Structures are given as C-alpha cells and as structure tokens.
Amino acid sequence: MRAATAALTCMLAAAALTGCVNTRAERGAVIGGAAGATVGALAGKSVGSAVIGGAAGAAAGYVIGKNTYRCWKTNIFGQRYLGTCIK
C-alpha cells in the first residue's frame, strides 16, 4: 500500500510539473523522469534505483517527446481523429 501511495504521489507531481514546460520534449522528459523514478524505487527499493530509473525515464521521455507530432488518424470505423504520430 505504501508503494502505491508513493507511485501515485510521483505521478501527480509529474502532472503538475508539465504545466511549467513549453515543448513536447520537455513534457516527455518530466513525465518519463517521474515514471522512471517511481518504477526504479518500486523495483529496487532504494534511492539509487530511483535515481537511475528517473534518469533513464527522463532520457527516454525526452527522445520520444521530441520525435512526436500531432496528426490526423482514422480508426477502424473510418472516423478521423487528432492523434499523436512518431517521426
């Protein structure tokens, strides 16, 4: 229960911090860092694991966020919607 509370707290903090950044890459880094730190802390049960997970998540989130853009997609019913595409 304690780990779930910590994970939820990290995710809420990441959601709050995304309002302070301007680009998709920055938002990806913030969200990826928080998610990586949470997963690292839960998996390794140490601060070192959280730091490594946060760094890896931030790097991955930045790269993914930098290489995405808004685009029109079509679902299986033929309806068009605005989604996210990867370059």
PDB file of N, CA and C in Angstrom:
ATOM      1  N   MET A   1       0.829  -1.187   0.000  1.00  0.00           N
ATOM      2  CA  MET A   1       0.000   0.000   0.000  1.00  0.00           C
ATOM      3  C   MET A   1       0.871   1.247   0.000  1.00  0.00           C
ATOM      4  N   ARG A   2       1.966   1.207   0.710  1.00  0.00           N
ATOM      5  CA  ARG A   2       2.861   2.355   0.798  1.00  0.00           C
ATOM      6  C   ARG A   2       3.498   2.668  -0.551  1.00  0.00           C
ATOM      7  N   ALA A   3       3.867   1.634  -1.299  1.00  0.00           N
ATOM      8  CA  ALA A   3       4.479   1.822  -2.616  1.00  0.00           C
ATOM      9  C   ALA A   3       3.472   2.419  -3.588  1.00  0.00           C
ATOM     10  N   ALA A   4       2.235   1.987  -3.505  1.00  0.00           N
ATOM     11  CA  ALA A   4       1.199   2.525  -4.389  1.00  0.00           C
ATOM     12  C   ALA A   4       0.954   4.001  -4.089  1.00  0.00           C
ATOM     13  N   THR A   5       0.991   4.375  -2.843  1.00  0.00           N
ATOM     14  CA  THR A   5       0.827   5.781  -2.473  1.00  0.00           C
ATOM     15  C   THR A   5       1.982   6.619  -2.999  1.00  0.00           C
ATOM     16  N   ALA A   6       3.204   6.098  -2.892  1.00  0.00           N
ATOM     17  CA  ALA A   6       4.364   6.817  -3.414  1.00  0.00           C
ATOM     18  C   ALA A   6       4.290   6.958  -4.929  1.00  0.00           C
ATOM     19  N   ALA A   7       3.856   5.926  -5.612  1.00  0.00           N
ATOM     20  CA  ALA A   7       3.733   5.975  -7.064  1.00  0.00           C
ATOM     21  C   ALA A   7       2.679   6.996  -7.489  1.00  0.00           C
ATOM     22  N   LEU A   8       1.561   7.008  -6.808  1.00  0.00           N
ATOM     23  CA  LEU A   8       0.510   7.968  -7.120  1.00  0.00           C
ATOM     24  C   LEU A   8       0.971   9.397  -6.862  1.00  0.00           C
ATOM     25  N   THR A   9       1.705   9.607  -5.793  1.00  0.00           N
ATOM     26  CA  THR A   9       2.234  10.935  -5.481  1.00  0.00           C
ATOM     27  C   THR A   9       3.192  11.411  -6.554  1.00  0.00           C
ATOM     28  N   CYS A  10       4.067  10.539  -7.021  1.00  0.00           N
ATOM     29  CA  CYS A  10       5.013  10.914  -8.086  1.00  0.00           C
ATOM     30  C   CYS A  10       4.290  11.248  -9.376  1.00  0.00           C
ATOM     31  N   MET A  11       3.274  10.482  -9.717  1.00  0.00           N
ATOM     32  CA  MET A  11       2.532  10.745 -10.942  1.00  0.00           C
ATOM     33  C   MET A  11       1.774  12.069 -10.869  1.00  0.00           C
ATOM     34  N   LEU A  12       1.202  12.380  -9.711  1.00  0.00           N
ATOM     35  CA  LEU A  12       0.509  13.657  -9.555  1.00  0.00           C
ATOM     36  C   LEU A  12       1.486  14.824  -9.626  1.00  0.00           C
ATOM     37  N   ALA A  13       2.676  14.649  -9.064  1.00  0.00           N
ATOM     38  CA  ALA A  13       3.691  15.697  -9.136  1.00  0.00           C
ATOM     39  C   ALA A  13       4.139  15.914 -10.578  1.00  0.00           C
ATOM     40  N   ALA A  14       4.292  14.847 -11.326  1.00  0.00           N
ATOM     41  CA  ALA A  14       4.686  14.974 -12.733  1.00  0.00           C
ATOM     42  C   ALA A  14       3.602  15.684 -13.532  1.00  0.00           C
ATOM     43  N   ALA A  15       2.359  15.377 -13.251  1.00  0.00           N
ATOM     44  CA  ALA A  15       1.264  16.043 -13.959  1.00  0.00           C
ATOM     45  C   ALA A  15       1.247  17.533 -13.650  1.00  0.00           C
ATOM     46  N   ALA A  16       1.539  17.897 -12.415  1.00  0.00           N
ATOM     47  CA  ALA A  16       1.573  19.308 -12.042  1.00  0.00           C
ATOM     48  C   ALA A  16       2.748  20.023 -12.698  1.00  0.00           C
ATOM     49  N   LEU A  17       3.883  19.356 -12.820  1.00  0.00           N
ATOM     50  CA  LEU A  17       5.069  19.983 -13.406  1.00  0.00           C
ATOM     51  C   LEU A  17       4.968  20.162 -14.911  1.00  0.00           C
ATOM     52  N   THR A  18       4.138  19.391 -15.577  1.00  0.00           N
ATOM     53  CA  THR A  18       4.055  19.507 -17.027  1.00  0.00           C
ATOM     54  C   THR A  18       3.465  20.841 -17.458  1.00  0.00           C
ATOM     55  N   GLY A  19       2.783  21.530 -16.572  1.00  0.00           N
ATOM     56  CA  GLY A  19       2.266  22.853 -16.902  1.00  0.00           C
ATOM     57  C   GLY A  19       3.362  23.900 -16.986  1.00  0.00           C
ATOM     58  N   CYS A  20       4.527  23.623 -16.425  1.00  0.00           N
ATOM     59  CA  CYS A  20       5.630  24.588 -16.401  1.00  0.00           C
ATOM     60  C   CYS A  20       6.527  24.492 -17.628  1.00  0.00           C
ATOM     61  N   VAL A  21       6.333  23.515 -18.457  1.00  0.00           N
ATOM     62  CA  VAL A  21       7.197  23.326 -19.625  1.00  0.00           C
ATOM     63  C   VAL A  21       6.429  23.681 -20.889  1.00  0.00           C
ATOM     64  N   ASN A  22       7.166  24.023 -21.937  1.00  0.00           N
ATOM     65  CA  ASN A  22       6.532  24.519 -23.150  1.00  0.00           C
ATOM     66  C   ASN A  22       6.515  23.521 -24.297  1.00  0.00           C
ATOM     67  N   THR A  23       7.535  22.714 -24.431  1.00  0.00           N
ATOM     68  CA  THR A  23       7.618  21.842 -25.599  1.00  0.00           C
ATOM     69  C   THR A  23       7.207  20.420 -25.260  1.00  0.00           C
ATOM     70  N   ARG A  24       6.889  19.672 -26.297  1.00  0.00           N
ATOM     71  CA  ARG A  24       6.519  18.267 -26.143  1.00  0.00           C
ATOM     72  C   ARG A  24       7.695  17.463 -25.578  1.00  0.00           C
ATOM     73  N   ALA A  25       8.919  17.807 -25.962  1.00  0.00           N
ATOM     74  CA  ALA A  25      10.104  17.096 -25.474  1.00  0.00           C
ATOM     75  C   ALA A  25      10.295  17.321 -23.972  1.00  0.00           C
ATOM     76  N   GLU A  26      10.068  18.547 -23.518  1.00  0.00           N
ATOM     77  CA  GLU A  26      10.213  18.837 -22.091  1.00  0.00           C
ATOM     78  C   GLU A  26       9.151  18.100 -21.269  1.00  0.00           C
ATOM     79  N   ARG A  27       7.921  18.097 -21.769  1.00  0.00           N
ATOM     80  CA  ARG A  27       6.864  17.355 -21.069  1.00  0.00           C
ATOM     81  C   ARG A  27       7.185  15.874 -21.002  1.00  0.00           C
ATOM     82  N   GLY A  28       7.706  15.330 -22.100  1.00  0.00           N
ATOM     83  CA  GLY A  28       8.085  13.921 -22.102  1.00  0.00           C
ATOM     84  C   GLY A  28       9.170  13.615 -21.096  1.00  0.00           C
ATOM     85  N   ALA A  29      10.139  14.540 -20.961  1.00  0.00           N
ATOM     86  CA  ALA A  29      11.228  14.334 -20.003  1.00  0.00           C
ATOM     87  C   ALA A  29      10.713  14.353 -18.566  1.00  0.00           C
ATOM     88  N   VAL A  30       9.810  15.276 -18.265  1.00  0.00           N
ATOM     89  CA  VAL A  30       9.272  15.373 -16.900  1.00  0.00           C
ATOM     90  C   VAL A  30       8.460  14.132 -16.555  1.00  0.00           C
ATOM     91  N   ILE A  31       7.562  13.762 -17.438  1.00  0.00           N
ATOM     92  CA  ILE A  31       6.709  12.592 -17.173  1.00  0.00           C
ATOM     93  C   ILE A  31       7.541  11.312 -17.148  1.00  0.00           C
ATOM     94  N   GLY A  32       8.481  11.176 -18.092  1.00  0.00           N
ATOM     95  CA  GLY A  32       9.339   9.995 -18.124  1.00  0.00           C
ATOM     96  C   GLY A  32      10.221   9.888 -16.895  1.00  0.00           C
ATOM     97  N   GLY A  33      10.746  11.025 -16.434  1.00  0.00           N
ATOM     98  CA  GLY A  33      11.587  11.017 -15.234  1.00  0.00           C
ATOM     99  C   GLY A  33      10.818  10.590 -13.999  1.00  0.00           C
ATOM    100  N   ALA A  34       9.605  11.128 -13.835  1.00  0.00           N
ATOM    101  CA  ALA A  34       8.795  10.748 -12.676  1.00  0.00           C
ATOM    102  C   ALA A  34       8.380   9.280 -12.735  1.00  0.00           C
ATOM    103  N   ALA A  35       7.978   8.836 -13.914  1.00  0.00           N
ATOM    104  CA  ALA A  35       7.589   7.427 -14.053  1.00  0.00           C
ATOM    105  C   ALA A  35       8.780   6.504 -13.837  1.00  0.00           C
ATOM    106  N   GLY A  36       9.936   6.869 -14.401  1.00  0.00           N
ATOM    107  CA  GLY A  36      11.135   6.051 -14.224  1.00  0.00           C
ATOM    108  C   GLY A  36      11.586   5.982 -12.779  1.00  0.00           C
ATOM    109  N   ALA A  37      11.509   7.117 -12.086  1.00  0.00           N
ATOM    110  CA  ALA A  37      11.893   7.126 -10.672  1.00  0.00           C
ATOM    111  C   ALA A  37      10.949   6.263  -9.845  1.00  0.00           C
ATOM    112  N   THR A  38       9.676   6.321 -10.155  1.00  0.00           N
ATOM    113  CA  THR A  38       8.703   5.511  -9.428  1.00  0.00           C
ATOM    114  C   THR A  38       8.943   4.024  -9.660  1.00  0.00           C
ATOM    115  N   VAL A  39       9.131   3.653 -10.913  1.00  0.00           N
ATOM    116  CA  VAL A  39       9.375   2.239 -11.226  1.00  0.00           C
ATOM    117  C   VAL A  39      10.689   1.772 -10.617  1.00  0.00           C
ATOM    118  N   GLY A  40      11.728   2.621 -10.703  1.00  0.00           N
ATOM    119  CA  GLY A  40      13.019   2.261 -10.111  1.00  0.00           C
ATOM    120  C   GLY A  40      12.938   2.072  -8.608  1.00  0.00           C
ATOM    121  N   ALA A  41      12.203   2.956  -7.940  1.00  0.00           N
ATOM    122  CA  ALA A  41      12.066   2.843  -6.486  1.00  0.00           C
ATOM    123  C   ALA A  41      11.281   1.598  -6.094  1.00  0.00           C
ATOM    124  N   LEU A  42      10.232   1.295  -6.852  1.00  0.00           N
ATOM    125  CA  LEU A  42       9.435   0.108  -6.534  1.00  0.00           C
ATOM    126  C   LEU A  42      10.195  -1.183  -6.823  1.00  0.00           C
ATOM    127  N   ALA A  43      10.985  -1.166  -7.899  1.00  0.00           N
ATOM    128  CA  ALA A  43      11.708  -2.385  -8.278  1.00  0.00           C
ATOM    129  C   ALA A  43      12.918  -2.628  -7.382  1.00  0.00           C
ATOM    130  N   GLY A  44      13.694  -1.581  -7.107  1.00  0.00           N
ATOM    131  CA  GLY A  44      14.929  -1.760  -6.360  1.00  0.00           C
ATOM    132  C   GLY A  44      14.843  -1.465  -4.888  1.00  0.00           C
ATOM    133  N   LYS A  45      13.769  -0.780  -4.475  1.00  0.00           N
ATOM    134  CA  LYS A  45      13.556  -0.423  -3.073  1.00  0.00           C
ATOM    135  C   LYS A  45      14.737   0.338  -2.479  1.00  0.00           C
ATOM    136  N   SER A  46      15.349   1.232  -3.299  1.00  0.00           N
ATOM    137  CA  SER A  46      16.433   2.077  -2.797  1.00  0.00           C
ATOM    138  C   SER A  46      16.439   3.398  -3.546  1.00  0.00           C
ATOM    139  N   VAL A  47      17.124   4.355  -2.974  1.00  0.00           N
ATOM    140  CA  VAL A  47      17.223   5.674  -3.597  1.00  0.00           C
ATOM    141  C   VAL A  47      18.041   5.592  -4.882  1.00  0.00           C
ATOM    142  N   GLY A  48      19.081   4.791  -4.882  1.00  0.00           N
ATOM    143  CA  GLY A  48      19.910   4.634  -6.072  1.00  0.00           C
ATOM    144  C   GLY A  48      19.115   4.113  -7.256  1.00  0.00           C
ATOM    145  N   SER A  49      18.239   3.161  -6.995  1.00  0.00           N
ATOM    146  CA  SER A  49      17.391   2.623  -8.063  1.00  0.00           C
ATOM    147  C   SER A  49      16.442   3.686  -8.597  1.00  0.00           C
ATOM    148  N   ALA A  50      15.930   4.531  -7.705  1.00  0.00           N
ATOM    149  CA  ALA A  50      15.031   5.604  -8.125  1.00  0.00           C
ATOM    150  C   ALA A  50      15.766   6.626  -8.984  1.00  0.00           C
ATOM    151  N   VAL A  51      17.007   6.939  -8.627  1.00  0.00           N
ATOM    152  CA  VAL A  51      17.801   7.904  -9.397  1.00  0.00           C
ATOM    153  C   VAL A  51      18.094   7.357 -10.794  1.00  0.00           C
ATOM    154  N   ILE A  52      18.519   6.117 -10.858  1.00  0.00           N
ATOM    155  CA  ILE A  52      18.819   5.506 -12.160  1.00  0.00           C
ATOM    156  C   ILE A  52      17.551   5.407 -13.010  1.00  0.00           C
ATOM    157  N   GLY A  53      16.453   4.977 -12.408  1.00  0.00           N
ATOM    158  CA  GLY A  53      15.190   4.884 -13.138  1.00  0.00           C
ATOM    159  C   GLY A  53      14.709   6.244 -13.607  1.00  0.00           C
ATOM    160  N   GLY A  54      14.863   7.270 -12.777  1.00  0.00           N
ATOM    161  CA  GLY A  54      14.457   8.619 -13.159  1.00  0.00           C
ATOM    162  C   GLY A  54      15.279   9.158 -14.312  1.00  0.00           C
ATOM    163  N   ALA A  55      16.581   8.925 -14.279  1.00  0.00           N
ATOM    164  CA  ALA A  55      17.449   9.393 -15.365  1.00  0.00           C
ATOM    165  C   ALA A  55      17.120   8.679 -16.673  1.00  0.00           C
ATOM    166  N   ALA A  56      16.935   7.382 -16.601  1.00  0.00           N
ATOM    167  CA  ALA A  56      16.597   6.622 -17.814  1.00  0.00           C
ATOM    168  C   ALA A  56      15.222   7.029 -18.349  1.00  0.00           C
ATOM    169  N   GLY A  57      14.266   7.224 -17.469  1.00  0.00           N
ATOM    170  CA  GLY A  57      12.933   7.634 -17.887  1.00  0.00           C
ATOM    171  C   GLY A  57      12.916   9.022 -18.495  1.00  0.00           C
ATOM    172  N   ALA A  58      13.689   9.942 -17.913  1.00  0.00           N
ATOM    173  CA  ALA A  58      13.750  11.307 -18.449  1.00  0.00           C
ATOM    174  C   ALA A  58      14.375  11.316 -19.839  1.00  0.00           C
ATOM    175  N   ALA A  59      15.435  10.544 -20.020  1.00  0.00           N
ATOM    176  CA  ALA A  59      16.084  10.480 -21.334  1.00  0.00           C
ATOM    177  C   ALA A  59      15.139   9.880 -22.378  1.00  0.00           C
ATOM    178  N   ALA A  60      14.484   8.789 -22.017  1.00  0.00           N
ATOM    179  CA  ALA A  60      13.557   8.150 -22.951  1.00  0.00           C
ATOM    180  C   ALA A  60      12.370   9.059 -23.256  1.00  0.00           C
ATOM    181  N   GLY A  61      11.828   9.708 -22.240  1.00  0.00           N
ATOM    182  CA  GLY A  61      10.706  10.614 -22.439  1.00  0.00           C
ATOM    183  C   GLY A  61      11.056  11.796 -23.320  1.00  0.00           C
ATOM    184  N   TYR A  62      12.267  12.315 -23.165  1.00  0.00           N
ATOM    185  CA  TYR A  62      12.714  13.432 -23.999  1.00  0.00           C
ATOM    186  C   TYR A  62      12.808  13.017 -25.464  1.00  0.00           C
ATOM    187  N   VAL A  63      13.426  11.873 -25.710  1.00  0.00           N
ATOM    188  CA  VAL A  63      13.595  11.402 -27.092  1.00  0.00           C
ATOM    189  C   VAL A  63      12.236  11.117 -27.729  1.00  0.00           C
ATOM    190  N   ILE A  64      11.360  10.459 -27.010  1.00  0.00           N
ATOM    191  CA  ILE A  64      10.036  10.160 -27.551  1.00  0.00           C
ATOM    192  C   ILE A  64       9.250  11.449 -27.785  1.00  0.00           C
ATOM    193  N   GLY A  65       9.282  12.356 -26.806  1.00  0.00           N
ATOM    194  CA  GLY A  65       8.554  13.609 -26.956  1.00  0.00           C
ATOM    195  C   GLY A  65       9.077  14.467 -28.087  1.00  0.00           C
ATOM    196  N   LYS A  66      10.378  14.463 -28.302  1.00  0.00           N
ATOM    197  CA  LYS A  66      10.979  15.266 -29.359  1.00  0.00           C
ATOM    198  C   LYS A  66      10.607  14.742 -30.746  1.00  0.00           C
ATOM    199  N   ASN A  67      10.353  13.454 -30.856  1.00  0.00           N
ATOM    200  CA  ASN A  67      10.089  12.836 -32.150  1.00  0.00           C
ATOM    201  C   ASN A  67       8.617  12.533 -32.398  1.00  0.00           C
ATOM    202  N   THR A  68       7.717  13.227 -31.709  1.00  0.00           N
ATOM    203  CA  THR A  68       6.294  13.051 -31.943  1.00  0.00           C
ATOM    204  C   THR A  68       5.673  14.359 -32.413  1.00  0.00           C
ATOM    205  N   TYR A  69       4.540  14.253 -33.085  1.00  0.00           N
ATOM    206  CA  TYR A  69       3.810  15.424 -33.538  1.00  0.00           C
ATOM    207  C   TYR A  69       2.332  15.071 -33.655  1.00  0.00           C
ATOM    208  N   ARG A  70       1.473  16.095 -33.689  1.00  0.00           N
ATOM    209  CA  ARG A  70       0.039  15.892 -33.829  1.00  0.00           C
ATOM    210  C   ARG A  70      -0.285  15.579 -35.283  1.00  0.00           C
ATOM    211  N   CYS A  71      -1.166  14.611 -35.514  1.00  0.00           N
ATOM    212  CA  CYS A  71      -1.542  14.239 -36.874  1.00  0.00           C
ATOM    213  C   CYS A  71      -2.964  13.679 -36.871  1.00  0.00           C
ATOM    214  N   TRP A  72      -3.563  13.635 -38.044  1.00  0.00           N
ATOM    215  CA  TRP A  72      -4.896  13.061 -38.194  1.00  0.00           C
ATOM    216  C   TRP A  72      -4.778  11.563 -38.432  1.00  0.00           C
ATOM    217  N   LYS A  73      -5.594  10.796 -37.721  1.00  0.00           N
ATOM    218  CA  LYS A  73      -5.619   9.344 -37.857  1.00  0.00           C
ATOM    219  C   LYS A  73      -7.043   8.901 -38.162  1.00  0.00           C
ATOM    220  N   THR A  74      -7.196   7.665 -38.591  1.00  0.00           N
ATOM    221  CA  THR A  74      -8.506   7.083 -38.863  1.00  0.00           C
ATOM    222  C   THR A  74      -8.650   5.794 -38.057  1.00  0.00           C
ATOM    223  N   ASN A  75      -9.749   5.686 -37.303  1.00  0.00           N
ATOM    224  CA  ASN A  75      -9.943   4.470 -36.515  1.00  0.00           C
ATOM    225  C   ASN A  75     -10.556   3.361 -37.373  1.00  0.00           C
ATOM    226  N   ILE A  76     -10.844   2.207 -36.772  1.00  0.00           N
ATOM    227  CA  ILE A  76     -11.322   1.059 -37.546  1.00  0.00           C
ATOM    228  C   ILE A  76     -12.721   1.268 -38.100  1.00  0.00           C
ATOM    229  N   PHE A  77     -13.443   2.289 -37.612  1.00  0.00           N
ATOM    230  CA  PHE A  77     -14.779   2.587 -38.097  1.00  0.00           C
ATOM    231  C   PHE A  77     -14.783   3.669 -39.169  1.00  0.00           C
ATOM    232  N   GLY A  78     -13.592   4.131 -39.559  1.00  0.00           N
ATOM    233  CA  GLY A  78     -13.486   5.146 -40.588  1.00  0.00           C
ATOM    234  C   GLY A  78     -13.605   6.574 -40.092  1.00  0.00           C
ATOM    235  N   GLN A  79     -13.668   6.763 -38.770  1.00  0.00           N
ATOM    236  CA  GLN A  79     -13.773   8.108 -38.200  1.00  0.00           C
ATOM    237  C   GLN A  79     -12.382   8.705 -38.007  1.00  0.00           C
ATOM    238  N   ARG A  80     -12.249   9.992 -38.377  1.00  0.00           N
ATOM    239  CA  ARG A  80     -10.959  10.658 -38.234  1.00  0.00           C
ATOM    240  C   ARG A  80     -10.871  11.336 -36.872  1.00  0.00           C
ATOM    241  N   TYR A  81      -9.665  11.343 -36.287  1.00  0.00           N
ATOM    242  CA  TYR A  81      -9.432  11.996 -35.011  1.00  0.00           C
ATOM    243  C   TYR A  81      -8.002  12.525 -34.979  1.00  0.00           C
ATOM    244  N   LEU A  82      -7.765  13.490 -34.112  1.00  0.00           N
ATOM    245  CA  LEU A  82      -6.441  14.075 -33.963  1.00  0.00           C
ATOM    246  C   LEU A  82      -5.665  13.250 -32.950  1.00  0.00           C
ATOM    247  N   GLY A  83      -4.551  12.668 -33.384  1.00  0.00           N
ATOM    248  CA  GLY A  83      -3.747  11.809 -32.531  1.00  0.00           C
ATOM    249  C   GLY A  83      -2.293  12.223 -32.513  1.00  0.00           C
ATOM    250  N   THR A  84      -1.444  11.361 -32.038  1.00  0.00           N
ATOM    251  CA  THR A  84      -0.018  11.612 -31.954  1.00  0.00           C
ATOM    252  C   THR A  84       0.711  10.603 -32.825  1.00  0.00           C
ATOM    253  N   CYS A  85       1.617  11.107 -33.683  1.00  0.00           N
ATOM    254  CA  CYS A  85       2.410  10.257 -34.560  1.00  0.00           C
ATOM    255  C   CYS A  85       3.880  10.380 -34.204  1.00  0.00           C
ATOM    256  N   ILE A  86       4.648   9.358 -34.512  1.00  0.00           N
ATOM    257  CA  ILE A  86       6.100   9.373 -34.279  1.00  0.00           C
ATOM    258  C   ILE A  86       6.780   9.567 -35.627  1.00  0.00           C
ATOM    259  N   LYS A  87       7.774  10.440 -35.647  1.00  0.00           N
ATOM    260  CA  LYS A  87       8.508  10.732 -36.893  1.00  0.00           C
ATOM    261  C   LYS A  87       9.254   9.521 -37.379  1.00  0.00           C
TER     262      LYS A  87
END
